[in-house]
Amino acid sequence: MFCNPDGTPWPPDTLTKQFVGLARLVGAHGFRLHDLRRGFASVAVSNGANVKEISLLLGSRAPMLTLSTCARSMEGVGEPRWSR
């Protein structure tokens, strides 16, 4: 996905290491690159986006997996309407 000027690929953990450095620089200790993925899913679900489309964008295997892992921290998200 990312490459050096000579066209060779970055080592697999390069982006992660750079992200960690930037997160620390702005005081977000313990914030992981993967947290952006979960944040995107949570915000998209809360704004009424179609869970199946979000799941496809994330490359998840199933929409329910997206709800259970990415949006579970949001109150009321993923709950059946009759249980509220």
C-alpha atoms as a PDB file:
ATOM      1  CA  MET A   1       0.000   0.000   0.000  1.00  0.00           C
ATOM      2  CA  PHE A   2       2.873   2.372   0.794  1.00  0.00           C
ATOM      3  CA  CYS A   3       6.256   2.330  -0.835  1.00  0.00           C
ATOM      4  CA  ASN A   4       9.655   3.974  -0.685  1.00  0.00           C
ATOM      5  CA  PRO A   5      10.789   6.352  -3.447  1.00  0.00           C
ATOM      6  CA  ASP A   6      12.535   3.424  -5.165  1.00  0.00           C
ATOM      7  CA  GLY A   7       9.265   1.451  -5.273  1.00  0.00           C
ATOM      8  CA  THR A   8      10.135  -1.081  -2.592  1.00  0.00           C
ATOM      9  CA  PRO A   9       7.367  -1.684  -0.060  1.00  0.00           C
ATOM     10  CA  TRP A  10       7.516  -0.388   3.490  1.00  0.00           C
ATOM     11  CA  PRO A  11       8.127  -3.002   6.153  1.00  0.00           C
ATOM     12  CA  PRO A  12       4.741  -4.124   7.584  1.00  0.00           C
ATOM     13  CA  ASP A  13       5.050  -2.275  10.905  1.00  0.00           C
ATOM     14  CA  THR A  14       6.305   1.067   9.525  1.00  0.00           C
ATOM     15  CA  LEU A  15       2.927   2.818   9.417  1.00  0.00           C
ATOM     16  CA  THR A  16       2.017   1.535  12.865  1.00  0.00           C
ATOM     17  CA  LYS A  17       5.285   2.838  14.340  1.00  0.00           C
ATOM     18  CA  GLN A  18       4.802   6.234  12.698  1.00  0.00           C
ATOM     19  CA  PHE A  19       1.236   6.429  13.979  1.00  0.00           C
ATOM     20  CA  VAL A  20       2.327   5.595  17.531  1.00  0.00           C
ATOM     21  CA  GLY A  21       4.928   8.377  17.360  1.00  0.00           C
ATOM     22  CA  LEU A  22       2.359  10.901  16.149  1.00  0.00           C
ATOM     23  CA  ALA A  23      -0.172   9.828  18.777  1.00  0.00           C
ATOM     24  CA  ARG A  24       2.423  10.292  21.533  1.00  0.00           C
ATOM     25  CA  LEU A  25       3.392  13.669  20.100  1.00  0.00           C
ATOM     26  CA  VAL A  26      -0.174  14.926  20.556  1.00  0.00           C
ATOM     27  CA  GLY A  27      -0.587  13.275  23.960  1.00  0.00           C
ATOM     28  CA  ALA A  28      -2.727  10.319  22.889  1.00  0.00           C
ATOM     29  CA  HIS A  29      -0.804   7.611  24.731  1.00  0.00           C
ATOM     30  CA  GLY A  30      -2.158   4.126  24.223  1.00  0.00           C
ATOM     31  CA  PHE A  31      -4.073   5.132  21.094  1.00  0.00           C
ATOM     32  CA  ARG A  32      -3.633   2.520  18.371  1.00  0.00           C
ATOM     33  CA  LEU A  33      -3.978   2.740  14.607  1.00  0.00           C
ATOM     34  CA  HIS A  34      -6.728   0.106  14.839  1.00  0.00           C
ATOM     35  CA  ASP A  35      -8.696   2.482  17.088  1.00  0.00           C
ATOM     36  CA  LEU A  36      -9.303   4.684  14.027  1.00  0.00           C
ATOM     37  CA  ARG A  37     -11.111   1.779  12.380  1.00  0.00           C
ATOM     38  CA  ARG A  38     -13.375   1.249  15.370  1.00  0.00           C
ATOM     39  CA  GLY A  39     -13.955   4.971  15.677  1.00  0.00           C
ATOM     40  CA  PHE A  40     -14.995   5.212  12.040  1.00  0.00           C
ATOM     41  CA  ALA A  41     -17.470   2.353  12.460  1.00  0.00           C
ATOM     42  CA  SER A  42     -18.944   3.803  15.648  1.00  0.00           C
ATOM     43  CA  VAL A  43     -19.418   7.271  14.186  1.00  0.00           C
ATOM     44  CA  ALA A  44     -20.860   5.885  10.945  1.00  0.00           C
ATOM     45  CA  VAL A  45     -23.354   3.684  12.808  1.00  0.00           C
ATOM     46  CA  SER A  46     -24.396   6.539  15.098  1.00  0.00           C
ATOM     47  CA  ASN A  47     -25.013   8.726  12.046  1.00  0.00           C
ATOM     48  CA  GLY A  48     -27.359   6.133  10.570  1.00  0.00           C
ATOM     49  CA  ALA A  49     -25.088   4.599   7.949  1.00  0.00           C
ATOM     50  CA  ASN A  50     -26.005   1.155   6.671  1.00  0.00           C
ATOM     51  CA  VAL A  51     -24.174  -1.430   8.774  1.00  0.00           C
ATOM     52  CA  LYS A  52     -23.753  -3.776   5.810  1.00  0.00           C
ATOM     53  CA  GLU A  53     -22.022  -1.016   3.814  1.00  0.00           C
ATOM     54  CA  ILE A  54     -19.791  -0.129   6.782  1.00  0.00           C
ATOM     55  CA  SER A  55     -18.891  -3.794   7.113  1.00  0.00           C
ATOM     56  CA  LEU A  56     -17.923  -3.956   3.437  1.00  0.00           C
ATOM     57  CA  LEU A  57     -15.806  -0.806   3.738  1.00  0.00           C
ATOM     58  CA  LEU A  58     -13.975  -2.292   6.718  1.00  0.00           C
ATOM     59  CA  GLY A  59     -13.538  -5.659   5.052  1.00  0.00           C
ATOM     60  CA  SER A  60     -15.415  -7.380   7.880  1.00  0.00           C
ATOM     61  CA  ARG A  61     -16.912 -10.807   7.355  1.00  0.00           C
ATOM     62  CA  ALA A  62     -20.368  -9.922   8.611  1.00  0.00           C
ATOM     63  CA  PRO A  63     -22.362  -6.826   9.594  1.00  0.00           C
ATOM     64  CA  MET A  64     -23.056  -8.254  13.061  1.00  0.00           C
ATOM     65  CA  LEU A  65     -19.307  -8.592  13.615  1.00  0.00           C
ATOM     66  CA  THR A  66     -18.993  -4.890  12.811  1.00  0.00           C
ATOM     67  CA  LEU A  67     -21.690  -4.023  15.329  1.00  0.00           C
ATOM     68  CA  SER A  68     -20.381  -6.279  18.051  1.00  0.00           C
ATOM     69  CA  THR A  69     -16.738  -5.257  17.869  1.00  0.00           C
ATOM     70  CA  CYS A  70     -16.652  -1.731  16.500  1.00  0.00           C
ATOM     71  CA  ALA A  71     -19.750  -0.040  17.848  1.00  0.00           C
ATOM     72  CA  ARG A  72     -20.371  -1.827  21.149  1.00  0.00           C
ATOM     73  CA  SER A  73     -19.193   1.097  23.242  1.00  0.00           C
ATOM     74  CA  MET A  74     -22.044   3.312  22.058  1.00  0.00           C
ATOM     75  CA  GLU A  75     -25.196   3.213  24.160  1.00  0.00           C
ATOM     76  CA  GLY A  76     -28.126   1.714  22.277  1.00  0.00           C
ATOM     77  CA  VAL A  77     -26.185   0.805  19.136  1.00  0.00           C
ATOM     78  CA  GLY A  78     -26.794  -2.709  17.932  1.00  0.00           C
ATOM     79  CA  GLU A  79     -29.584  -3.383  20.408  1.00  0.00           C
ATOM     80  CA  PRO A  80     -32.937  -4.557  19.107  1.00  0.00           C
ATOM     81  CA  ARG A  81     -35.416  -1.679  19.158  1.00  0.00           C
ATOM     82  CA  TRP A  82     -37.775  -3.598  21.448  1.00  0.00           C
ATOM     83  CA  SER A  83     -35.159  -3.852  24.207  1.00  0.00           C
ATOM     84  CA  ARG A  84     -34.725  -0.107  24.658  1.00  0.00           C
END
